[in-house]
Amino acid sequence: MKQTWKGSTLLAPVPSVMVSCGRGDTANIITIGWVGIAASHPPKLYISVRPERYSFNIIKESGVFCVNLPTAEMATALDFCGVKSGKDIDKFAHCRLTKADCVNIDCVAIEECPINLECKVAQVLDLGSHHMFLADILGVTVDESLVDDKGRLMLEKANLVTYAHGDYFGLGKKLGDFGFSIRKRKNLKRNRK
C-alpha cells in the first residue's frame, strides 16, 4: 500500500554539484542540487538558484558559471558551500580549494573536482522560489586519471556524490551500463542455441 502526499521536490537521487562563478575577489562556490541535463545536441544543462543567494547575481551579471563534480572525499566542502554564504566567507580559502582558470569562459573552476563543465547562460526562467539558468555547455575538463588508454571516460572511478532528500551519498556499486538489459537477453538467446 502507498500513501498519497501533496506535490513536492521528492525526486531522488539527484547530482550534488559545486557551481563556481566569478573571478578574483568575486569568485564563489554554491552547492546546487537542482541541476540536470536539458539537451544533448547542443549540450545544455540547467541549474536552479534562489535569487537571494549570493551567487545568483554573479551568475546573472557574468552570464557564465562552471559546474564542478565533487568526489565523496569532498563531501564536507560540498555541504559547507551549500550552507554558508559567499557574502560572509571566502569558500575557496576556507575549504582549501584551488581556483583554476576555465578554458572557454571567463570564470574559475575547482581544480580538486575531477570533472568541470564550463557553461554560458542561454536563458533565465523565473520559476517561483528559484530561477532556472539554462546554459550551453561550452567545454568539459576531465582529470586524466579518469581516462583510459583508448580515451574512454571511466566515470565509475570518480567516486562522485549524489543527494537524496537531505542526505549525501557516494555512488555505489555499478549495476550495468547503457543497453546491458538487451545485451543480456541476446547472450541468453545465443547460449540457448
N, C-alpha and C. Protein backbone atom coordinates (compact mmCIF):
# COMPACT_ATOMS: atom_id res chain seq x y z
N MET A 1 0.83 -1.17 0.00
CA MET A 1 0.00 0.00 0.00
C MET A 1 0.88 1.24 0.00
N LYS A 2 0.49 2.28 -0.71
CA LYS A 2 1.23 3.54 -0.76
C LYS A 2 0.40 4.66 -0.18
N GLN A 3 1.09 5.66 0.39
CA GLN A 3 0.43 6.87 0.86
C GLN A 3 0.47 7.90 -0.27
N THR A 4 -0.49 8.78 -0.30
CA THR A 4 -0.51 9.87 -1.28
C THR A 4 -0.19 11.17 -0.57
N TRP A 5 0.84 11.86 -1.06
CA TRP A 5 1.27 13.13 -0.49
C TRP A 5 1.03 14.23 -1.50
N LYS A 6 1.05 15.47 -1.06
CA LYS A 6 0.95 16.60 -1.98
C LYS A 6 2.25 16.69 -2.79
N GLY A 7 2.19 17.40 -3.93
CA GLY A 7 3.36 17.56 -4.78
C GLY A 7 4.53 18.16 -4.03
N SER A 8 5.72 17.63 -4.28
CA SER A 8 6.93 18.12 -3.62
C SER A 8 8.14 17.85 -4.50
N THR A 9 9.31 18.19 -3.99
CA THR A 9 10.56 18.01 -4.73
C THR A 9 11.21 16.66 -4.46
N LEU A 10 10.42 15.65 -4.23
CA LEU A 10 10.93 14.34 -3.86
C LEU A 10 11.35 13.53 -5.08
N LEU A 11 12.29 14.08 -5.84
CA LEU A 11 12.94 13.34 -6.92
C LEU A 11 14.32 12.99 -6.40
N ALA A 12 14.64 11.72 -6.40
CA ALA A 12 15.92 11.32 -5.82
C ALA A 12 16.42 10.05 -6.48
N PRO A 13 17.70 9.84 -6.54
CA PRO A 13 18.74 10.80 -6.20
C PRO A 13 18.94 11.83 -7.30
N VAL A 14 19.60 12.92 -6.96
CA VAL A 14 19.98 13.95 -7.92
C VAL A 14 21.47 14.22 -7.73
N PRO A 15 22.13 14.77 -8.75
CA PRO A 15 23.54 15.13 -8.54
C PRO A 15 23.63 16.23 -7.49
N SER A 16 24.72 16.26 -6.80
CA SER A 16 25.02 17.39 -5.91
C SER A 16 26.33 17.96 -6.42
N VAL A 17 26.28 19.18 -6.92
CA VAL A 17 27.44 19.77 -7.58
C VAL A 17 27.87 21.06 -6.90
N MET A 18 29.09 21.44 -7.17
CA MET A 18 29.62 22.71 -6.68
C MET A 18 29.74 23.62 -7.90
N VAL A 19 28.95 24.69 -7.92
CA VAL A 19 28.97 25.62 -9.03
C VAL A 19 29.87 26.78 -8.66
N SER A 20 30.90 27.00 -9.48
CA SER A 20 31.78 28.15 -9.25
C SER A 20 31.37 29.26 -10.20
N CYS A 21 31.57 30.47 -9.73
CA CYS A 21 31.20 31.64 -10.53
C CYS A 21 32.12 32.79 -10.15
N GLY A 22 32.21 33.77 -11.04
CA GLY A 22 33.04 34.93 -10.77
C GLY A 22 34.50 34.66 -10.99
N ARG A 23 35.31 35.69 -10.69
CA ARG A 23 36.76 35.63 -10.81
C ARG A 23 37.37 36.48 -9.69
N GLY A 24 38.61 36.25 -9.39
CA GLY A 24 39.31 37.07 -8.40
C GLY A 24 38.57 37.16 -7.08
N ASP A 25 38.35 38.39 -6.62
CA ASP A 25 37.69 38.60 -5.33
C ASP A 25 36.22 38.21 -5.34
N THR A 26 35.60 38.16 -6.52
CA THR A 26 34.17 37.80 -6.57
C THR A 26 33.97 36.30 -6.76
N ALA A 27 35.04 35.53 -6.90
CA ALA A 27 34.89 34.08 -7.11
C ALA A 27 34.17 33.45 -5.93
N ASN A 28 33.20 32.61 -6.23
CA ASN A 28 32.40 31.97 -5.19
C ASN A 28 32.03 30.56 -5.61
N ILE A 29 31.60 29.80 -4.63
CA ILE A 29 31.11 28.43 -4.86
C ILE A 29 29.74 28.32 -4.21
N ILE A 30 28.79 27.75 -4.94
CA ILE A 30 27.47 27.46 -4.39
C ILE A 30 27.16 25.99 -4.66
N THR A 31 26.69 25.29 -3.66
CA THR A 31 26.28 23.90 -3.84
C THR A 31 24.87 23.90 -4.41
N ILE A 32 24.68 23.11 -5.45
CA ILE A 32 23.39 23.05 -6.15
C ILE A 32 22.93 21.59 -6.24
N GLY A 33 21.68 21.38 -5.87
CA GLY A 33 21.06 20.06 -6.03
C GLY A 33 20.07 20.05 -7.18
N TRP A 34 19.58 21.23 -7.56
CA TRP A 34 18.64 21.30 -8.67
C TRP A 34 19.45 21.56 -9.94
N VAL A 35 19.93 20.50 -10.55
CA VAL A 35 20.81 20.56 -11.71
C VAL A 35 20.52 19.36 -12.59
N GLY A 36 20.63 19.54 -13.89
CA GLY A 36 20.43 18.40 -14.78
C GLY A 36 20.70 18.75 -16.22
N ILE A 37 20.78 17.72 -17.02
CA ILE A 37 20.97 17.87 -18.46
C ILE A 37 19.63 18.22 -19.08
N ALA A 38 19.64 19.21 -19.97
CA ALA A 38 18.41 19.63 -20.64
C ALA A 38 18.36 19.18 -22.09
N ALA A 39 19.52 19.02 -22.74
CA ALA A 39 19.57 18.59 -24.14
C ALA A 39 20.95 18.03 -24.45
N SER A 40 20.99 17.12 -25.44
CA SER A 40 22.26 16.53 -25.86
C SER A 40 22.94 17.32 -26.97
N HIS A 41 22.13 17.77 -27.94
CA HIS A 41 22.66 18.45 -29.12
C HIS A 41 21.87 19.71 -29.38
N PRO A 42 22.36 20.89 -29.14
CA PRO A 42 23.66 21.14 -28.50
C PRO A 42 23.59 20.82 -27.01
N PRO A 43 24.74 20.50 -26.40
CA PRO A 43 24.72 20.12 -24.99
C PRO A 43 24.30 21.29 -24.10
N LYS A 44 23.25 21.07 -23.32
CA LYS A 44 22.73 22.10 -22.41
C LYS A 44 22.44 21.47 -21.05
N LEU A 45 22.62 22.28 -20.03
CA LEU A 45 22.21 21.87 -18.69
C LEU A 45 21.53 23.04 -18.02
N TYR A 46 20.97 22.77 -16.86
CA TYR A 46 20.34 23.85 -16.10
C TYR A 46 20.77 23.74 -14.64
N ILE A 47 20.77 24.89 -13.99
CA ILE A 47 20.87 24.94 -12.53
C ILE A 47 19.74 25.86 -12.07
N SER A 48 19.19 25.57 -10.92
CA SER A 48 18.15 26.43 -10.35
C SER A 48 18.69 27.03 -9.07
N VAL A 49 18.59 28.38 -8.97
CA VAL A 49 19.19 29.12 -7.86
C VAL A 49 18.16 30.09 -7.29
N ARG A 50 18.10 30.19 -5.98
CA ARG A 50 17.24 31.18 -5.34
C ARG A 50 17.83 32.58 -5.55
N PRO A 51 16.99 33.56 -5.90
CA PRO A 51 17.50 34.93 -6.14
C PRO A 51 18.23 35.55 -4.94
N GLU A 52 17.91 35.12 -3.74
CA GLU A 52 18.56 35.70 -2.56
C GLU A 52 19.97 35.15 -2.31
N ARG A 53 20.36 34.12 -3.04
CA ARG A 53 21.70 33.55 -2.86
C ARG A 53 22.75 34.49 -3.43
N TYR A 54 23.90 34.58 -2.80
CA TYR A 54 24.99 35.46 -3.20
C TYR A 54 25.44 35.20 -4.64
N SER A 55 25.50 33.95 -5.05
CA SER A 55 25.96 33.59 -6.40
C SER A 55 24.97 33.99 -7.48
N PHE A 56 23.71 34.17 -7.14
CA PHE A 56 22.68 34.45 -8.14
C PHE A 56 23.06 35.64 -9.01
N ASN A 57 23.38 36.78 -8.39
CA ASN A 57 23.71 37.98 -9.17
C ASN A 57 25.03 37.84 -9.91
N ILE A 58 25.99 37.13 -9.32
CA ILE A 58 27.26 36.91 -10.01
C ILE A 58 27.01 36.18 -11.32
N ILE A 59 26.21 35.12 -11.27
CA ILE A 59 25.91 34.34 -12.47
C ILE A 59 25.07 35.16 -13.45
N LYS A 60 24.07 35.85 -12.93
CA LYS A 60 23.18 36.63 -13.80
C LYS A 60 23.95 37.73 -14.54
N GLU A 61 24.84 38.41 -13.83
CA GLU A 61 25.59 39.52 -14.44
C GLU A 61 26.70 39.03 -15.37
N SER A 62 27.39 37.96 -15.01
CA SER A 62 28.50 37.47 -15.84
C SER A 62 28.02 36.62 -17.00
N GLY A 63 26.89 35.93 -16.80
CA GLY A 63 26.36 35.06 -17.85
C GLY A 63 27.10 33.74 -18.00
N VAL A 64 27.96 33.42 -17.03
CA VAL A 64 28.72 32.16 -17.10
C VAL A 64 28.84 31.54 -15.71
N PHE A 65 29.06 30.23 -15.69
CA PHE A 65 29.34 29.51 -14.45
C PHE A 65 29.97 28.18 -14.81
N CYS A 66 30.54 27.52 -13.82
CA CYS A 66 31.17 26.22 -14.04
C CYS A 66 30.55 25.22 -13.06
N VAL A 67 30.08 24.11 -13.59
CA VAL A 67 29.55 23.02 -12.76
C VAL A 67 30.70 22.06 -12.49
N ASN A 68 31.05 21.93 -11.22
CA ASN A 68 32.16 21.09 -10.79
C ASN A 68 31.61 19.86 -10.08
N LEU A 69 32.01 18.67 -10.52
CA LEU A 69 31.51 17.43 -9.93
C LEU A 69 32.46 16.99 -8.81
N PRO A 70 32.01 17.06 -7.56
CA PRO A 70 32.88 16.71 -6.44
C PRO A 70 32.94 15.21 -6.18
N THR A 71 34.01 14.81 -5.52
CA THR A 71 34.17 13.42 -5.10
C THR A 71 33.59 13.25 -3.71
N ALA A 72 33.39 12.01 -3.30
CA ALA A 72 32.88 11.73 -1.95
C ALA A 72 33.82 12.29 -0.89
N GLU A 73 35.10 12.34 -1.17
CA GLU A 73 36.07 12.88 -0.22
C GLU A 73 35.86 14.38 0.00
N MET A 74 35.14 15.02 -0.90
CA MET A 74 34.90 16.45 -0.81
C MET A 74 33.54 16.77 -0.17
N ALA A 75 32.90 15.78 0.43
CA ALA A 75 31.54 15.96 0.96
C ALA A 75 31.45 17.08 1.99
N THR A 76 32.45 17.24 2.83
CA THR A 76 32.40 18.31 3.84
C THR A 76 32.41 19.68 3.16
N ALA A 77 33.29 19.86 2.18
CA ALA A 77 33.35 21.13 1.45
C ALA A 77 32.06 21.34 0.65
N LEU A 78 31.54 20.28 0.08
CA LEU A 78 30.28 20.34 -0.69
C LEU A 78 29.15 20.86 0.20
N ASP A 79 29.02 20.31 1.38
CA ASP A 79 27.97 20.74 2.30
C ASP A 79 28.22 22.18 2.78
N PHE A 80 29.45 22.48 3.16
CA PHE A 80 29.79 23.81 3.66
C PHE A 80 29.42 24.89 2.64
N CYS A 81 29.73 24.64 1.37
CA CYS A 81 29.46 25.63 0.32
C CYS A 81 27.97 25.80 0.05
N GLY A 82 27.15 24.89 0.57
CA GLY A 82 25.71 25.00 0.43
C GLY A 82 25.03 25.69 1.60
N VAL A 83 25.70 25.72 2.74
CA VAL A 83 25.06 26.32 3.93
C VAL A 83 25.66 27.66 4.35
N LYS A 84 26.84 27.98 3.86
CA LYS A 84 27.48 29.26 4.16
C LYS A 84 27.38 30.18 2.94
N SER A 85 27.34 31.47 3.19
CA SER A 85 27.21 32.45 2.11
C SER A 85 28.56 33.06 1.75
N GLY A 86 28.76 33.23 0.46
CA GLY A 86 29.95 33.91 -0.04
C GLY A 86 30.01 35.37 0.36
N LYS A 87 28.88 35.92 0.83
CA LYS A 87 28.89 37.30 1.35
C LYS A 87 29.74 37.38 2.61
N ASP A 88 29.79 36.28 3.36
CA ASP A 88 30.42 36.27 4.67
C ASP A 88 31.79 35.61 4.72
N ILE A 89 32.09 34.75 3.73
CA ILE A 89 33.32 33.96 3.83
C ILE A 89 33.83 33.61 2.43
N ASP A 90 35.14 33.53 2.31
CA ASP A 90 35.77 33.06 1.07
C ASP A 90 35.77 31.54 1.13
N LYS A 91 34.88 30.93 0.40
CA LYS A 91 34.72 29.47 0.47
C LYS A 91 35.93 28.74 -0.11
N PHE A 92 36.56 29.31 -1.14
CA PHE A 92 37.77 28.68 -1.68
C PHE A 92 38.84 28.58 -0.59
N ALA A 93 39.08 29.68 0.11
CA ALA A 93 40.11 29.70 1.15
C ALA A 93 39.71 28.80 2.32
N HIS A 94 38.48 28.93 2.79
CA HIS A 94 38.05 28.15 3.95
C HIS A 94 38.13 26.64 3.68
N CYS A 95 37.71 26.21 2.50
CA CYS A 95 37.69 24.78 2.16
C CYS A 95 39.01 24.30 1.55
N ARG A 96 39.96 25.22 1.42
CA ARG A 96 41.28 24.90 0.83
C ARG A 96 41.13 24.31 -0.57
N LEU A 97 40.32 24.99 -1.36
CA LEU A 97 40.10 24.58 -2.75
C LEU A 97 40.87 25.53 -3.67
N THR A 98 41.31 24.99 -4.79
CA THR A 98 42.14 25.73 -5.73
C THR A 98 41.32 26.27 -6.89
N LYS A 99 41.49 27.58 -7.15
CA LYS A 99 40.85 28.20 -8.31
C LYS A 99 41.65 27.85 -9.55
N ALA A 100 40.96 27.35 -10.57
CA ALA A 100 41.60 27.05 -11.86
C ALA A 100 40.88 27.87 -12.92
N ASP A 101 41.63 28.39 -13.86
CA ASP A 101 41.00 29.15 -14.95
C ASP A 101 40.22 28.21 -15.86
N CYS A 102 39.02 28.61 -16.21
CA CYS A 102 38.26 27.87 -17.22
C CYS A 102 38.88 28.14 -18.58
N VAL A 103 38.69 27.24 -19.51
CA VAL A 103 39.27 27.35 -20.85
C VAL A 103 38.38 28.17 -21.78
N ASN A 104 37.06 27.99 -21.67
CA ASN A 104 36.12 28.56 -22.63
C ASN A 104 35.30 29.74 -22.13
N ILE A 105 35.37 30.01 -20.83
CA ILE A 105 34.57 31.09 -20.26
C ILE A 105 35.42 31.88 -19.27
N ASP A 106 35.00 33.10 -18.95
CA ASP A 106 35.70 33.96 -18.01
C ASP A 106 35.17 33.67 -16.60
N CYS A 107 35.69 32.61 -16.01
CA CYS A 107 35.19 32.11 -14.73
C CYS A 107 36.26 31.19 -14.15
N VAL A 108 36.11 30.83 -12.89
CA VAL A 108 37.02 29.86 -12.28
C VAL A 108 36.32 28.51 -12.15
N ALA A 109 37.14 27.48 -12.16
CA ALA A 109 36.69 26.11 -11.88
C ALA A 109 37.33 25.69 -10.56
N ILE A 110 36.92 24.55 -10.04
CA ILE A 110 37.52 24.00 -8.83
C ILE A 110 38.47 22.88 -9.25
N GLU A 111 39.75 23.11 -9.05
CA GLU A 111 40.79 22.16 -9.50
C GLU A 111 40.59 20.77 -8.91
N GLU A 112 40.20 20.69 -7.64
CA GLU A 112 40.09 19.39 -6.96
C GLU A 112 38.94 18.53 -7.49
N CYS A 113 37.98 19.12 -8.16
CA CYS A 113 36.88 18.34 -8.75
C CYS A 113 37.38 17.68 -10.03
N PRO A 114 37.16 16.39 -10.21
CA PRO A 114 37.73 15.69 -11.36
C PRO A 114 37.08 16.04 -12.70
N ILE A 115 35.89 16.62 -12.66
CA ILE A 115 35.18 16.98 -13.89
C ILE A 115 34.58 18.37 -13.71
N ASN A 116 34.78 19.20 -14.73
CA ASN A 116 34.27 20.58 -14.71
C ASN A 116 33.56 20.85 -16.03
N LEU A 117 32.34 21.35 -15.96
CA LEU A 117 31.56 21.69 -17.15
C LEU A 117 31.43 23.21 -17.23
N GLU A 118 32.00 23.80 -18.26
CA GLU A 118 32.00 25.25 -18.44
C GLU A 118 30.75 25.67 -19.19
N CYS A 119 29.97 26.57 -18.60
CA CYS A 119 28.64 26.87 -19.11
C CYS A 119 28.42 28.36 -19.36
N LYS A 120 27.71 28.65 -20.44
CA LYS A 120 27.31 30.01 -20.77
C LYS A 120 25.78 30.07 -20.73
N VAL A 121 25.24 31.00 -19.97
CA VAL A 121 23.80 31.12 -19.79
C VAL A 121 23.14 31.48 -21.12
N ALA A 122 22.12 30.72 -21.47
CA ALA A 122 21.35 30.98 -22.70
C ALA A 122 20.01 31.62 -22.38
N GLN A 123 19.46 31.28 -21.20
CA GLN A 123 18.13 31.77 -20.84
C GLN A 123 17.96 31.67 -19.33
N VAL A 124 17.22 32.61 -18.76
CA VAL A 124 16.90 32.58 -17.33
C VAL A 124 15.38 32.56 -17.20
N LEU A 125 14.88 31.57 -16.49
CA LEU A 125 13.44 31.45 -16.29
C LEU A 125 13.10 31.61 -14.81
N ASP A 126 12.18 32.53 -14.51
CA ASP A 126 11.70 32.73 -13.14
C ASP A 126 10.63 31.67 -12.89
N LEU A 127 10.96 30.71 -12.01
CA LEU A 127 10.04 29.60 -11.76
C LEU A 127 9.38 29.68 -10.38
N GLY A 128 9.54 30.79 -9.68
CA GLY A 128 8.95 30.92 -8.34
C GLY A 128 10.06 31.03 -7.33
N SER A 129 10.25 30.02 -6.50
CA SER A 129 11.28 30.08 -5.46
C SER A 129 12.69 30.13 -6.06
N HIS A 130 12.86 29.58 -7.24
CA HIS A 130 14.15 29.52 -7.91
C HIS A 130 14.05 30.11 -9.32
N HIS A 131 15.17 30.59 -9.81
CA HIS A 131 15.30 30.93 -11.22
C HIS A 131 16.16 29.85 -11.86
N MET A 132 15.73 29.39 -13.02
CA MET A 132 16.49 28.36 -13.72
C MET A 132 17.39 29.03 -14.75
N PHE A 133 18.70 28.75 -14.65
CA PHE A 133 19.67 29.19 -15.64
C PHE A 133 19.88 28.04 -16.62
N LEU A 134 19.34 28.19 -17.81
CA LEU A 134 19.54 27.21 -18.88
C LEU A 134 20.81 27.62 -19.59
N ALA A 135 21.75 26.71 -19.75
CA ALA A 135 23.07 27.10 -20.25
C ALA A 135 23.61 26.11 -21.27
N ASP A 136 24.41 26.65 -22.18
CA ASP A 136 25.16 25.83 -23.13
C ASP A 136 26.43 25.34 -22.45
N ILE A 137 26.74 24.06 -22.61
CA ILE A 137 27.99 23.50 -22.09
C ILE A 137 29.03 23.71 -23.17
N LEU A 138 29.94 24.66 -22.94
CA LEU A 138 30.92 25.03 -23.97
C LEU A 138 32.17 24.16 -23.93
N GLY A 139 32.44 23.55 -22.79
CA GLY A 139 33.62 22.70 -22.67
C GLY A 139 33.58 21.90 -21.40
N VAL A 140 34.32 20.80 -21.40
CA VAL A 140 34.40 19.92 -20.23
C VAL A 140 35.87 19.60 -20.01
N THR A 141 36.33 19.73 -18.78
CA THR A 141 37.68 19.27 -18.44
C THR A 141 37.54 18.04 -17.55
N VAL A 142 38.39 17.06 -17.81
CA VAL A 142 38.33 15.78 -17.12
C VAL A 142 39.73 15.41 -16.63
N ASP A 143 39.83 15.02 -15.38
CA ASP A 143 41.10 14.57 -14.83
C ASP A 143 41.59 13.37 -15.64
N GLU A 144 42.87 13.39 -16.03
CA GLU A 144 43.43 12.33 -16.87
C GLU A 144 43.35 10.96 -16.21
N SER A 145 43.29 10.91 -14.88
CA SER A 145 43.21 9.62 -14.18
C SER A 145 41.89 8.90 -14.47
N LEU A 146 40.91 9.62 -15.03
CA LEU A 146 39.61 9.02 -15.34
C LEU A 146 39.48 8.63 -16.81
N VAL A 147 40.56 8.75 -17.57
CA VAL A 147 40.52 8.43 -18.99
C VAL A 147 41.45 7.25 -19.24
N ASP A 148 40.91 6.18 -19.86
CA ASP A 148 41.75 5.01 -20.14
C ASP A 148 42.61 5.24 -21.38
N ASP A 149 43.45 4.27 -21.73
CA ASP A 149 44.38 4.44 -22.86
C ASP A 149 43.68 4.50 -24.22
N LYS A 150 42.39 4.19 -24.26
CA LYS A 150 41.61 4.31 -25.50
C LYS A 150 40.81 5.61 -25.54
N GLY A 151 40.97 6.46 -24.51
CA GLY A 151 40.26 7.73 -24.45
C GLY A 151 38.85 7.63 -23.87
N ARG A 152 38.50 6.46 -23.31
CA ARG A 152 37.17 6.27 -22.73
C ARG A 152 37.14 6.81 -21.31
N LEU A 153 36.08 7.55 -20.99
CA LEU A 153 35.88 8.07 -19.65
C LEU A 153 35.48 6.94 -18.71
N MET A 154 36.20 6.79 -17.62
CA MET A 154 35.91 5.78 -16.61
C MET A 154 35.28 6.48 -15.41
N LEU A 155 34.05 6.94 -15.59
CA LEU A 155 33.36 7.73 -14.57
C LEU A 155 33.20 6.97 -13.26
N GLU A 156 33.15 5.65 -13.33
CA GLU A 156 32.99 4.85 -12.13
C GLU A 156 34.16 5.03 -11.16
N LYS A 157 35.30 5.52 -11.65
CA LYS A 157 36.47 5.75 -10.79
C LYS A 157 36.45 7.12 -10.12
N ALA A 158 35.49 7.97 -10.48
CA ALA A 158 35.47 9.33 -9.96
C ALA A 158 34.96 9.43 -8.53
N ASN A 159 34.23 8.45 -8.05
CA ASN A 159 33.70 8.46 -6.68
C ASN A 159 32.85 9.71 -6.43
N LEU A 160 31.91 9.96 -7.34
CA LEU A 160 31.08 11.15 -7.29
C LEU A 160 30.03 11.07 -6.18
N VAL A 161 29.36 12.21 -5.95
CA VAL A 161 28.38 12.34 -4.87
C VAL A 161 26.99 12.52 -5.46
N THR A 162 26.02 11.98 -4.77
CA THR A 162 24.62 12.20 -5.12
C THR A 162 23.88 12.68 -3.86
N TYR A 163 22.69 13.19 -4.08
CA TYR A 163 21.91 13.78 -2.99
C TYR A 163 20.50 13.20 -3.04
N ALA A 164 19.98 12.81 -1.90
CA ALA A 164 18.64 12.26 -1.85
C ALA A 164 17.92 12.76 -0.60
N HIS A 165 17.00 13.70 -0.80
CA HIS A 165 16.11 14.21 0.24
C HIS A 165 16.84 14.56 1.54
N GLY A 166 17.89 15.40 1.41
CA GLY A 166 18.60 15.90 2.59
C GLY A 166 19.85 15.14 2.96
N ASP A 167 20.17 14.08 2.24
CA ASP A 167 21.35 13.27 2.57
C ASP A 167 22.26 13.14 1.36
N TYR A 168 23.59 13.11 1.62
CA TYR A 168 24.59 12.91 0.58
C TYR A 168 24.99 11.44 0.56
N PHE A 169 25.26 10.93 -0.64
CA PHE A 169 25.70 9.55 -0.80
C PHE A 169 26.82 9.50 -1.83
N GLY A 170 27.79 8.62 -1.59
CA GLY A 170 28.77 8.32 -2.61
C GLY A 170 28.14 7.31 -3.55
N LEU A 171 28.43 7.46 -4.83
CA LEU A 171 27.88 6.50 -5.78
C LEU A 171 28.44 5.12 -5.47
N GLY A 172 27.58 4.14 -5.48
CA GLY A 172 27.97 2.80 -5.08
C GLY A 172 28.24 1.86 -6.22
N LYS A 173 27.83 0.65 -6.05
CA LYS A 173 28.09 -0.45 -6.98
C LYS A 173 27.47 -0.19 -8.34
N LYS A 174 28.25 -0.41 -9.38
CA LYS A 174 27.75 -0.30 -10.74
C LYS A 174 26.80 -1.46 -11.01
N LEU A 175 25.63 -1.14 -11.56
CA LEU A 175 24.61 -2.17 -11.81
C LEU A 175 24.57 -2.62 -13.27
N GLY A 176 25.18 -1.88 -14.14
CA GLY A 176 25.19 -2.20 -15.56
C GLY A 176 25.53 -0.96 -16.34
N ASP A 177 25.61 -1.07 -17.64
CA ASP A 177 25.83 0.09 -18.48
C ASP A 177 24.69 0.20 -19.48
N PHE A 178 24.65 1.31 -20.21
CA PHE A 178 23.54 1.55 -21.13
C PHE A 178 23.38 0.38 -22.10
N GLY A 179 22.18 -0.19 -22.12
CA GLY A 179 21.87 -1.29 -23.02
C GLY A 179 22.18 -2.67 -22.47
N PHE A 180 22.63 -2.78 -21.22
CA PHE A 180 23.02 -4.08 -20.68
C PHE A 180 21.85 -5.07 -20.65
N SER A 181 20.64 -4.57 -20.50
CA SER A 181 19.49 -5.48 -20.43
C SER A 181 19.24 -6.16 -21.77
N ILE A 182 19.48 -5.48 -22.83
CA ILE A 182 19.29 -6.06 -24.16
C ILE A 182 20.42 -7.02 -24.48
N ARG A 183 21.64 -6.61 -24.16
CA ARG A 183 22.79 -7.50 -24.42
C ARG A 183 22.64 -8.78 -23.63
N LYS A 184 22.14 -8.69 -22.43
CA LYS A 184 21.97 -9.88 -21.61
C LYS A 184 20.98 -10.84 -22.28
N ARG A 185 19.88 -10.28 -22.80
CA ARG A 185 18.89 -11.13 -23.47
C ARG A 185 19.47 -11.76 -24.71
N LYS A 186 20.24 -11.01 -25.49
CA LYS A 186 20.87 -11.55 -26.69
C LYS A 186 21.82 -12.68 -26.31
N ASN A 187 22.60 -12.48 -25.24
CA ASN A 187 23.52 -13.51 -24.79
C ASN A 187 22.78 -14.75 -24.34
N LEU A 188 21.62 -14.56 -23.67
CA LEU A 188 20.82 -15.71 -23.25
C LEU A 188 20.34 -16.51 -24.45
N LYS A 189 19.88 -15.81 -25.50
CA LYS A 189 19.44 -16.49 -26.72
C LYS A 189 20.57 -17.26 -27.37
N ARG A 190 21.75 -16.66 -27.41
CA ARG A 190 22.91 -17.35 -28.01
C ARG A 190 23.26 -18.59 -27.22
N ASN A 191 23.18 -18.48 -25.89
CA ASN A 191 23.54 -19.61 -25.04
C ASN A 191 22.53 -20.76 -25.15
N ARG A 192 21.27 -20.43 -25.51
CA ARG A 192 20.26 -21.47 -25.64
C ARG A 192 20.41 -22.27 -26.92
N LYS A 193 21.07 -21.70 -27.93
CA LYS A 193 21.22 -22.38 -29.24
C LYS A 193 22.20 -23.50 -29.22
